[in-house]
Amino acid sequence: MDLRVAQIKECEEIPGADRLYKLTVDAEEVRQIVAGIKPYYTKEELLGKRIILVANLEPRTLEGHRLPRHAPCGFERGRKHRCAHLPG
């Protein structure tokens, strides 16, 4: 498993997707990923966040969209769902 720290540079809506954002991240190289965190974060909250990225995931389909990769998220029991991110 290839884990990398990535900083979110851009966040875009995906037309027709209720849960997904398309993120442009910098993880030693700039790449686009998708994350199913739209119900929990605004685009503005995500900009500049550093996240843990699994860099070698196979493409998959979510909500009818073919996705190159996705960012993993952690969840806190009994609290608002939160993406696993690093301070700073």
PDB file of N, CA and C in Angstrom:
ATOM      1  N   MET A   1       0.849  -1.168   0.000  1.00  0.00           N
ATOM      2  CA  MET A   1       0.000   0.000   0.000  1.00  0.00           C
ATOM      3  C   MET A   1       0.894   1.230   0.000  1.00  0.00           C
ATOM      4  N   ASP A   2       0.654   2.141  -0.909  1.00  0.00           N
ATOM      5  CA  ASP A   2       1.455   3.351  -1.068  1.00  0.00           C
ATOM      6  C   ASP A   2       0.695   4.531  -0.454  1.00  0.00           C
ATOM      7  N   LEU A   3       1.012   4.863   0.814  1.00  0.00           N
ATOM      8  CA  LEU A   3       0.363   5.979   1.506  1.00  0.00           C
ATOM      9  C   LEU A   3       1.198   7.241   1.348  1.00  0.00           C
ATOM     10  N   ARG A   4       0.523   8.346   1.039  1.00  0.00           N
ATOM     11  CA  ARG A   4       1.212   9.632   0.867  1.00  0.00           C
ATOM     12  C   ARG A   4       0.415  10.736   1.532  1.00  0.00           C
ATOM     13  N   VAL A   5       1.112  11.768   1.967  1.00  0.00           N
ATOM     14  CA  VAL A   5       0.447  12.970   2.461  1.00  0.00           C
ATOM     15  C   VAL A   5       0.198  13.858   1.249  1.00  0.00           C
ATOM     16  N   ALA A   6      -1.024  14.337   1.123  1.00  0.00           N
ATOM     17  CA  ALA A   6      -1.392  15.184  -0.020  1.00  0.00           C
ATOM     18  C   ALA A   6      -2.110  16.423   0.490  1.00  0.00           C
ATOM     19  N   GLN A   7      -1.831  17.553  -0.122  1.00  0.00           N
ATOM     20  CA  GLN A   7      -2.538  18.788   0.210  1.00  0.00           C
ATOM     21  C   GLN A   7      -3.581  19.080  -0.859  1.00  0.00           C
ATOM     22  N   ILE A   8      -4.800  19.405  -0.416  1.00  0.00           N
ATOM     23  CA  ILE A   8      -5.889  19.700  -1.342  1.00  0.00           C
ATOM     24  C   ILE A   8      -5.702  21.102  -1.893  1.00  0.00           C
ATOM     25  N   LYS A   9      -5.545  21.203  -3.210  1.00  0.00           N
ATOM     26  CA  LYS A   9      -5.327  22.486  -3.891  1.00  0.00           C
ATOM     27  C   LYS A   9      -6.608  23.043  -4.498  1.00  0.00           C
ATOM     28  N   GLU A  10      -7.477  22.156  -5.022  1.00  0.00           N
ATOM     29  CA  GLU A  10      -8.742  22.571  -5.631  1.00  0.00           C
ATOM     30  C   GLU A  10      -9.810  21.558  -5.273  1.00  0.00           C
ATOM     31  N   CYS A  11     -11.060  22.033  -5.229  1.00  0.00           N
ATOM     32  CA  CYS A  11     -12.201  21.164  -4.938  1.00  0.00           C
ATOM     33  C   CYS A  11     -13.330  21.565  -5.880  1.00  0.00           C
ATOM     34  N   GLU A  12     -13.852  20.600  -6.641  1.00  0.00           N
ATOM     35  CA  GLU A  12     -14.901  20.887  -7.625  1.00  0.00           C
ATOM     36  C   GLU A  12     -16.094  19.967  -7.426  1.00  0.00           C
ATOM     37  N   GLU A  13     -17.273  20.481  -7.771  1.00  0.00           N
ATOM     38  CA  GLU A  13     -18.491  19.676  -7.797  1.00  0.00           C
ATOM     39  C   GLU A  13     -18.404  18.708  -8.986  1.00  0.00           C
ATOM     40  N   ILE A  14     -19.036  17.558  -8.854  1.00  0.00           N
ATOM     41  CA  ILE A  14     -19.185  16.621  -9.965  1.00  0.00           C
ATOM     42  C   ILE A  14     -20.667  16.618 -10.318  1.00  0.00           C
ATOM     43  N   PRO A  15     -21.031  17.059 -11.520  1.00  0.00           N
ATOM     44  CA  PRO A  15     -22.453  17.120 -11.888  1.00  0.00           C
ATOM     45  C   PRO A  15     -23.158  15.776 -11.682  1.00  0.00           C
ATOM     46  N   GLY A  16     -24.276  15.818 -10.992  1.00  0.00           N
ATOM     47  CA  GLY A  16     -25.080  14.629 -10.773  1.00  0.00           C
ATOM     48  C   GLY A  16     -24.626  13.745  -9.622  1.00  0.00           C
ATOM     49  N   ALA A  17     -23.545  14.098  -8.942  1.00  0.00           N
ATOM     50  CA  ALA A  17     -23.033  13.295  -7.827  1.00  0.00           C
ATOM     51  C   ALA A  17     -23.420  13.959  -6.507  1.00  0.00           C
ATOM     52  N   ASP A  18     -24.149  13.226  -5.682  1.00  0.00           N
ATOM     53  CA  ASP A  18     -24.605  13.772  -4.406  1.00  0.00           C
ATOM     54  C   ASP A  18     -23.544  13.726  -3.313  1.00  0.00           C
ATOM     55  N   ARG A  19     -22.602  12.808  -3.423  1.00  0.00           N
ATOM     56  CA  ARG A  19     -21.636  12.619  -2.346  1.00  0.00           C
ATOM     57  C   ARG A  19     -20.192  12.919  -2.719  1.00  0.00           C
ATOM     58  N   LEU A  20     -19.925  13.154  -3.994  1.00  0.00           N
ATOM     59  CA  LEU A  20     -18.544  13.215  -4.460  1.00  0.00           C
ATOM     60  C   LEU A  20     -18.055  14.620  -4.765  1.00  0.00           C
ATOM     61  N   TYR A  21     -16.798  14.859  -4.438  1.00  0.00           N
ATOM     62  CA  TYR A  21     -16.054  16.027  -4.906  1.00  0.00           C
ATOM     63  C   TYR A  21     -14.890  15.520  -5.747  1.00  0.00           C
ATOM     64  N   LYS A  22     -14.514  16.276  -6.764  1.00  0.00           N
ATOM     65  CA  LYS A  22     -13.268  16.023  -7.488  1.00  0.00           C
ATOM     66  C   LYS A  22     -12.225  16.938  -6.863  1.00  0.00           C
ATOM     67  N   LEU A  23     -11.152  16.347  -6.367  1.00  0.00           N
ATOM     68  CA  LEU A  23     -10.104  17.097  -5.696  1.00  0.00           C
ATOM     69  C   LEU A  23      -8.826  17.078  -6.518  1.00  0.00           C
ATOM     70  N   THR A  24      -8.174  18.222  -6.601  1.00  0.00           N
ATOM     71  CA  THR A  24      -6.822  18.290  -7.140  1.00  0.00           C
ATOM     72  C   THR A  24      -5.903  18.364  -5.939  1.00  0.00           C
ATOM     73  N   VAL A  25      -4.999  17.386  -5.838  1.00  0.00           N
ATOM     74  CA  VAL A  25      -4.119  17.297  -4.678  1.00  0.00           C
ATOM     75  C   VAL A  25      -2.666  17.274  -5.118  1.00  0.00           C
ATOM     76  N   ASP A  26      -1.799  17.718  -4.215  1.00  0.00           N
ATOM     77  CA  ASP A  26      -0.363  17.679  -4.448  1.00  0.00           C
ATOM     78  C   ASP A  26       0.223  16.646  -3.494  1.00  0.00           C
ATOM     79  N   ALA A  27       0.661  15.517  -4.054  1.00  0.00           N
ATOM     80  CA  ALA A  27       1.258  14.423  -3.282  1.00  0.00           C
ATOM     81  C   ALA A  27       2.535  13.992  -3.986  1.00  0.00           C
ATOM     82  N   GLU A  28       3.545  14.830  -3.933  1.00  0.00           N
ATOM     83  CA  GLU A  28       4.798  14.647  -4.664  1.00  0.00           C
ATOM     84  C   GLU A  28       4.603  14.861  -6.160  1.00  0.00           C
ATOM     85  N   GLU A  29       3.386  14.799  -6.611  1.00  0.00           N
ATOM     86  CA  GLU A  29       2.991  15.130  -7.977  1.00  0.00           C
ATOM     87  C   GLU A  29       1.529  15.577  -7.889  1.00  0.00           C
ATOM     88  N   VAL A  30       1.108  16.428  -8.804  1.00  0.00           N
ATOM     89  CA  VAL A  30      -0.276  16.887  -8.805  1.00  0.00           C
ATOM     90  C   VAL A  30      -1.133  15.832  -9.485  1.00  0.00           C
ATOM     91  N   ARG A  31      -2.238  15.461  -8.833  1.00  0.00           N
ATOM     92  CA  ARG A  31      -3.140  14.466  -9.397  1.00  0.00           C
ATOM     93  C   ARG A  31      -4.566  14.802  -9.009  1.00  0.00           C
ATOM     94  N   GLN A  32      -5.510  14.236  -9.745  1.00  0.00           N
ATOM     95  CA  GLN A  32      -6.925  14.412  -9.431  1.00  0.00           C
ATOM     96  C   GLN A  32      -7.460  13.122  -8.836  1.00  0.00           C
ATOM     97  N   ILE A  33      -8.227  13.283  -7.763  1.00  0.00           N
ATOM     98  CA  ILE A  33      -8.863  12.149  -7.100  1.00  0.00           C
ATOM     99  C   ILE A  33     -10.317  12.530  -6.845  1.00  0.00           C
ATOM    100  N   VAL A  34     -11.089  11.606  -6.364  1.00  0.00           N
ATOM    101  CA  VAL A  34     -12.449  11.902  -5.915  1.00  0.00           C
ATOM    102  C   VAL A  34     -12.601  11.383  -4.496  1.00  0.00           C
ATOM    103  N   ALA A  35     -13.497  12.026  -3.763  1.00  0.00           N
ATOM    104  CA  ALA A  35     -13.745  11.626  -2.383  1.00  0.00           C
ATOM    105  C   ALA A  35     -15.232  11.759  -2.091  1.00  0.00           C
ATOM    106  N   GLY A  36     -15.796  10.780  -1.424  1.00  0.00           N
ATOM    107  CA  GLY A  36     -17.216  10.777  -1.085  1.00  0.00           C
ATOM    108  C   GLY A  36     -17.486  11.494   0.221  1.00  0.00           C
ATOM    109  N   ILE A  37     -17.080  12.747   0.313  1.00  0.00           N
ATOM    110  CA  ILE A  37     -17.196  13.508   1.559  1.00  0.00           C
ATOM    111  C   ILE A  37     -18.046  14.766   1.423  1.00  0.00           C
ATOM    112  N   LYS A  38     -18.724  14.906   0.303  1.00  0.00           N
ATOM    113  CA  LYS A  38     -19.528  16.102   0.053  1.00  0.00           C
ATOM    114  C   LYS A  38     -20.586  16.369   1.132  1.00  0.00           C
ATOM    115  N   PRO A  39     -21.239  15.335   1.704  1.00  0.00           N
ATOM    116  CA  PRO A  39     -22.240  15.613   2.746  1.00  0.00           C
ATOM    117  C   PRO A  39     -21.642  16.184   4.037  1.00  0.00           C
ATOM    118  N   TYR A  40     -20.337  16.082   4.206  1.00  0.00           N
ATOM    119  CA  TYR A  40     -19.707  16.425   5.476  1.00  0.00           C
ATOM    120  C   TYR A  40     -18.849  17.681   5.448  1.00  0.00           C
ATOM    121  N   TYR A  41     -18.426  18.125   4.262  1.00  0.00           N
ATOM    122  CA  TYR A  41     -17.543  19.278   4.140  1.00  0.00           C
ATOM    123  C   TYR A  41     -18.011  20.192   3.013  1.00  0.00           C
ATOM    124  N   THR A  42     -17.820  21.480   3.213  1.00  0.00           N
ATOM    125  CA  THR A  42     -17.986  22.412   2.102  1.00  0.00           C
ATOM    126  C   THR A  42     -16.673  22.436   1.320  1.00  0.00           C
ATOM    127  N   LYS A  43     -16.733  22.942   0.109  1.00  0.00           N
ATOM    128  CA  LYS A  43     -15.511  23.048  -0.689  1.00  0.00           C
ATOM    129  C   LYS A  43     -14.486  23.925   0.021  1.00  0.00           C
ATOM    130  N   GLU A  44     -14.962  25.001   0.635  1.00  0.00           N
ATOM    131  CA  GLU A  44     -14.058  25.940   1.305  1.00  0.00           C
ATOM    132  C   GLU A  44     -13.343  25.288   2.494  1.00  0.00           C
ATOM    133  N   GLU A  45     -14.016  24.398   3.206  1.00  0.00           N
ATOM    134  CA  GLU A  45     -13.397  23.715   4.346  1.00  0.00           C
ATOM    135  C   GLU A  45     -12.264  22.789   3.918  1.00  0.00           C
ATOM    136  N   LEU A  46     -12.329  22.271   2.709  1.00  0.00           N
ATOM    137  CA  LEU A  46     -11.337  21.302   2.250  1.00  0.00           C
ATOM    138  C   LEU A  46     -10.065  21.939   1.703  1.00  0.00           C
ATOM    139  N   LEU A  47     -10.161  23.141   1.167  1.00  0.00           N
ATOM    140  CA  LEU A  47      -8.993  23.775   0.553  1.00  0.00           C
ATOM    141  C   LEU A  47      -7.860  23.929   1.560  1.00  0.00           C
ATOM    142  N   GLY A  48      -6.692  23.457   1.184  1.00  0.00           N
ATOM    143  CA  GLY A  48      -5.509  23.568   2.026  1.00  0.00           C
ATOM    144  C   GLY A  48      -5.328  22.437   3.020  1.00  0.00           C
ATOM    145  N   LYS A  49      -6.334  21.580   3.213  1.00  0.00           N
ATOM    146  CA  LYS A  49      -6.203  20.452   4.140  1.00  0.00           C
ATOM    147  C   LYS A  49      -5.183  19.456   3.614  1.00  0.00           C
ATOM    148  N   ARG A  50      -4.487  18.820   4.535  1.00  0.00           N
ATOM    149  CA  ARG A  50      -3.567  17.742   4.186  1.00  0.00           C
ATOM    150  C   ARG A  50      -4.234  16.439   4.572  1.00  0.00           C
ATOM    151  N   ILE A  51      -4.263  15.501   3.643  1.00  0.00           N
ATOM    152  CA  ILE A  51      -4.930  14.226   3.855  1.00  0.00           C
ATOM    153  C   ILE A  51      -3.963  13.075   3.605  1.00  0.00           C
ATOM    154  N   ILE A  52      -4.349  11.909   4.068  1.00  0.00           N
ATOM    155  CA  ILE A  52      -3.608  10.682   3.751  1.00  0.00           C
ATOM    156  C   ILE A  52      -4.243  10.090   2.496  1.00  0.00           C
ATOM    157  N   LEU A  53      -3.433   9.809   1.506  1.00  0.00           N
ATOM    158  CA  LEU A  53      -3.903   9.316   0.219  1.00  0.00           C
ATOM    159  C   LEU A  53      -3.309   7.939  -0.047  1.00  0.00           C
ATOM    160  N   VAL A  54      -4.144   7.004  -0.449  1.00  0.00           N
ATOM    161  CA  VAL A  54      -3.645   5.718  -0.934  1.00  0.00           C
ATOM    162  C   VAL A  54      -3.398   5.919  -2.429  1.00  0.00           C
ATOM    163  N   ALA A  55      -2.134   5.977  -2.810  1.00  0.00           N
ATOM    164  CA  ALA A  55      -1.764   6.410  -4.155  1.00  0.00           C
ATOM    165  C   ALA A  55      -1.840   5.322  -5.213  1.00  0.00           C
ATOM    166  N   ASN A  56      -1.972   4.058  -4.821  1.00  0.00           N
ATOM    167  CA  ASN A  56      -1.925   2.983  -5.813  1.00  0.00           C
ATOM    168  C   ASN A  56      -3.235   2.194  -5.870  1.00  0.00           C
ATOM    169  N   LEU A  57      -4.364   2.849  -5.683  1.00  0.00           N
ATOM    170  CA  LEU A  57      -5.657   2.174  -5.794  1.00  0.00           C
ATOM    171  C   LEU A  57      -6.039   1.982  -7.255  1.00  0.00           C
ATOM    172  N   GLU A  58      -6.747   0.913  -7.525  1.00  0.00           N
ATOM    173  CA  GLU A  58      -7.277   0.667  -8.865  1.00  0.00           C
ATOM    174  C   GLU A  58      -8.481   1.571  -9.109  1.00  0.00           C
ATOM    175  N   PRO A  59      -8.733   1.955 -10.351  1.00  0.00           N
ATOM    176  CA  PRO A  59      -9.935   2.741 -10.662  1.00  0.00           C
ATOM    177  C   PRO A  59     -11.193   1.982 -10.262  1.00  0.00           C
ATOM    178  N   ARG A  60     -12.264   2.729  -9.942  1.00  0.00           N
ATOM    179  CA  ARG A  60     -13.540   2.106  -9.590  1.00  0.00           C
ATOM    180  C   ARG A  60     -14.682   3.028  -9.993  1.00  0.00           C
ATOM    181  N   THR A  61     -15.895   2.541  -9.862  1.00  0.00           N
ATOM    182  CA  THR A  61     -17.073   3.317 -10.227  1.00  0.00           C
ATOM    183  C   THR A  61     -17.868   3.634  -8.967  1.00  0.00           C
ATOM    184  N   LEU A  62     -18.167   4.924  -8.755  1.00  0.00           N
ATOM    185  CA  LEU A  62     -19.006   5.387  -7.659  1.00  0.00           C
ATOM    186  C   LEU A  62     -20.073   6.304  -8.221  1.00  0.00           C
ATOM    187  N   GLU A  63     -21.303   6.104  -7.802  1.00  0.00           N
ATOM    188  CA  GLU A  63     -22.427   6.920  -8.259  1.00  0.00           C
ATOM    189  C   GLU A  63     -22.447   7.062  -9.785  1.00  0.00           C
ATOM    190  N   GLY A  64     -22.049   6.010 -10.490  1.00  0.00           N
ATOM    191  CA  GLY A  64     -22.081   6.016 -11.941  1.00  0.00           C
ATOM    192  C   GLY A  64     -20.924   6.732 -12.614  1.00  0.00           C
ATOM    193  N   HIS A  65     -19.941   7.196 -11.832  1.00  0.00           N
ATOM    194  CA  HIS A  65     -18.785   7.908 -12.373  1.00  0.00           C
ATOM    195  C   HIS A  65     -17.550   7.024 -12.256  1.00  0.00           C
ATOM    196  N   ARG A  66     -16.820   6.891 -13.344  1.00  0.00           N
ATOM    197  CA  ARG A  66     -15.566   6.127 -13.339  1.00  0.00           C
ATOM    198  C   ARG A  66     -14.499   6.996 -12.690  1.00  0.00           C
ATOM    199  N   LEU A  67     -13.909   6.501 -11.625  1.00  0.00           N
ATOM    200  CA  LEU A  67     -13.001   7.300 -10.820  1.00  0.00           C
ATOM    201  C   LEU A  67     -11.587   6.749 -10.869  1.00  0.00           C
ATOM    202  N   PRO A  68     -10.599   7.626 -11.023  1.00  0.00           N
ATOM    203  CA  PRO A  68      -9.223   7.150 -11.081  1.00  0.00           C
ATOM    204  C   PRO A  68      -8.710   6.662  -9.734  1.00  0.00           C
ATOM    205  N   ARG A  69      -9.052   7.352  -8.650  1.00  0.00           N
ATOM    206  CA  ARG A  69      -8.613   7.018  -7.294  1.00  0.00           C
ATOM    207  C   ARG A  69      -9.572   7.676  -6.317  1.00  0.00           C
ATOM    208  N   HIS A  70      -9.469   7.311  -5.064  1.00  0.00           N
ATOM    209  CA  HIS A  70     -10.256   8.014  -4.062  1.00  0.00           C
ATOM    210  C   HIS A  70      -9.436   8.175  -2.789  1.00  0.00           C
ATOM    211  N   ALA A  71      -9.814   9.145  -1.981  1.00  0.00           N
ATOM    212  CA  ALA A  71      -9.117   9.415  -0.727  1.00  0.00           C
ATOM    213  C   ALA A  71      -9.819   8.684   0.406  1.00  0.00           C
ATOM    214  N   PRO A  72      -9.078   8.006   1.253  1.00  0.00           N
ATOM    215  CA  PRO A  72      -9.718   7.330   2.379  1.00  0.00           C
ATOM    216  C   PRO A  72     -10.147   8.328   3.444  1.00  0.00           C
ATOM    217  N   CYS A  73     -11.157   7.979   4.190  1.00  0.00           N
ATOM    218  CA  CYS A  73     -11.621   8.818   5.294  1.00  0.00           C
ATOM    219  C   CYS A  73     -11.775   7.982   6.544  1.00  0.00           C
ATOM    220  N   GLY A  74     -11.562   8.617   7.673  1.00  0.00           N
ATOM    221  CA  GLY A  74     -11.804   7.978   8.958  1.00  0.00           C
ATOM    222  C   GLY A  74     -13.077   8.553   9.546  1.00  0.00           C
ATOM    223  N   PHE A  75     -13.701   7.800  10.424  1.00  0.00           N
ATOM    224  CA  PHE A  75     -14.951   8.241  11.017  1.00  0.00           C
ATOM    225  C   PHE A  75     -14.862   8.161  12.525  1.00  0.00           C
ATOM    226  N   GLU A  76     -15.440   9.144  13.187  1.00  0.00           N
ATOM    227  CA  GLU A  76     -15.499   9.163  14.643  1.00  0.00           C
ATOM    228  C   GLU A  76     -16.883   8.706  15.061  1.00  0.00           C
ATOM    229  N   ARG A  77     -16.966   7.735  15.934  1.00  0.00           N
ATOM    230  CA  ARG A  77     -18.267   7.233  16.394  1.00  0.00           C
ATOM    231  C   ARG A  77     -18.986   8.316  17.186  1.00  0.00           C
ATOM    232  N   GLY A  78     -20.274   8.465  16.882  1.00  0.00           N
ATOM    233  CA  GLY A  78     -21.087   9.397  17.639  1.00  0.00           C
ATOM    234  C   GLY A  78     -20.860  10.863  17.311  1.00  0.00           C
ATOM    235  N   ARG A  79     -20.051  11.144  16.333  1.00  0.00           N
ATOM    236  CA  ARG A  79     -19.777  12.534  15.952  1.00  0.00           C
ATOM    237  C   ARG A  79     -20.010  12.708  14.463  1.00  0.00           C
ATOM    238  N   LYS A  80     -19.939  13.959  14.036  1.00  0.00           N
ATOM    239  CA  LYS A  80     -20.024  14.232  12.601  1.00  0.00           C
ATOM    240  C   LYS A  80     -18.910  13.464  11.885  1.00  0.00           C
ATOM    241  N   HIS A  81     -19.217  12.893  10.740  1.00  0.00           N
ATOM    242  CA  HIS A  81     -18.210  12.183   9.957  1.00  0.00           C
ATOM    243  C   HIS A  81     -17.097  13.182   9.602  1.00  0.00           C
ATOM    244  N   ARG A  82     -15.871  12.763   9.743  1.00  0.00           N
ATOM    245  CA  ARG A  82     -14.744  13.640   9.450  1.00  0.00           C
ATOM    246  C   ARG A  82     -13.738  12.899   8.576  1.00  0.00           C
ATOM    247  N   CYS A  83     -13.224  13.587   7.611  1.00  0.00           N
ATOM    248  CA  CYS A  83     -12.167  13.027   6.771  1.00  0.00           C
ATOM    249  C   CYS A  83     -10.881  12.958   7.590  1.00  0.00           C
ATOM    250  N   ALA A  84     -10.116  11.888   7.421  1.00  0.00           N
ATOM    251  CA  ALA A  84      -8.838  11.776   8.106  1.00  0.00           C
ATOM    252  C   ALA A  84      -7.873  12.786   7.481  1.00  0.00           C
ATOM    253  N   HIS A  85      -7.550  13.834   8.227  1.00  0.00           N
ATOM    254  CA  HIS A  85      -6.616  14.822   7.705  1.00  0.00           C
ATOM    255  C   HIS A  85      -5.579  15.172   8.754  1.00  0.00           C
ATOM    256  N   LEU A  86      -4.499  15.769   8.313  1.00  0.00           N
ATOM    257  CA  LEU A  86      -3.389  16.116   9.177  1.00  0.00           C
ATOM    258  C   LEU A  86      -3.406  17.610   9.456  1.00  0.00           C
ATOM    259  N   PRO A  87      -3.067  18.028  10.649  1.00  0.00           N
ATOM    260  CA  PRO A  87      -3.006  19.473  10.939  1.00  0.00           C
ATOM    261  C   PRO A  87      -1.885  20.138  10.156  1.00  0.00           C
ATOM    262  N   GLY A  88      -2.062  21.435   9.924  1.00  0.00           N
ATOM    263  CA  GLY A  88      -0.992  22.208   9.314  1.00  0.00           C
ATOM    264  C   GLY A  88      -1.145  22.519   7.877  1.00  0.00           C
TER     265      GLY A  88
END
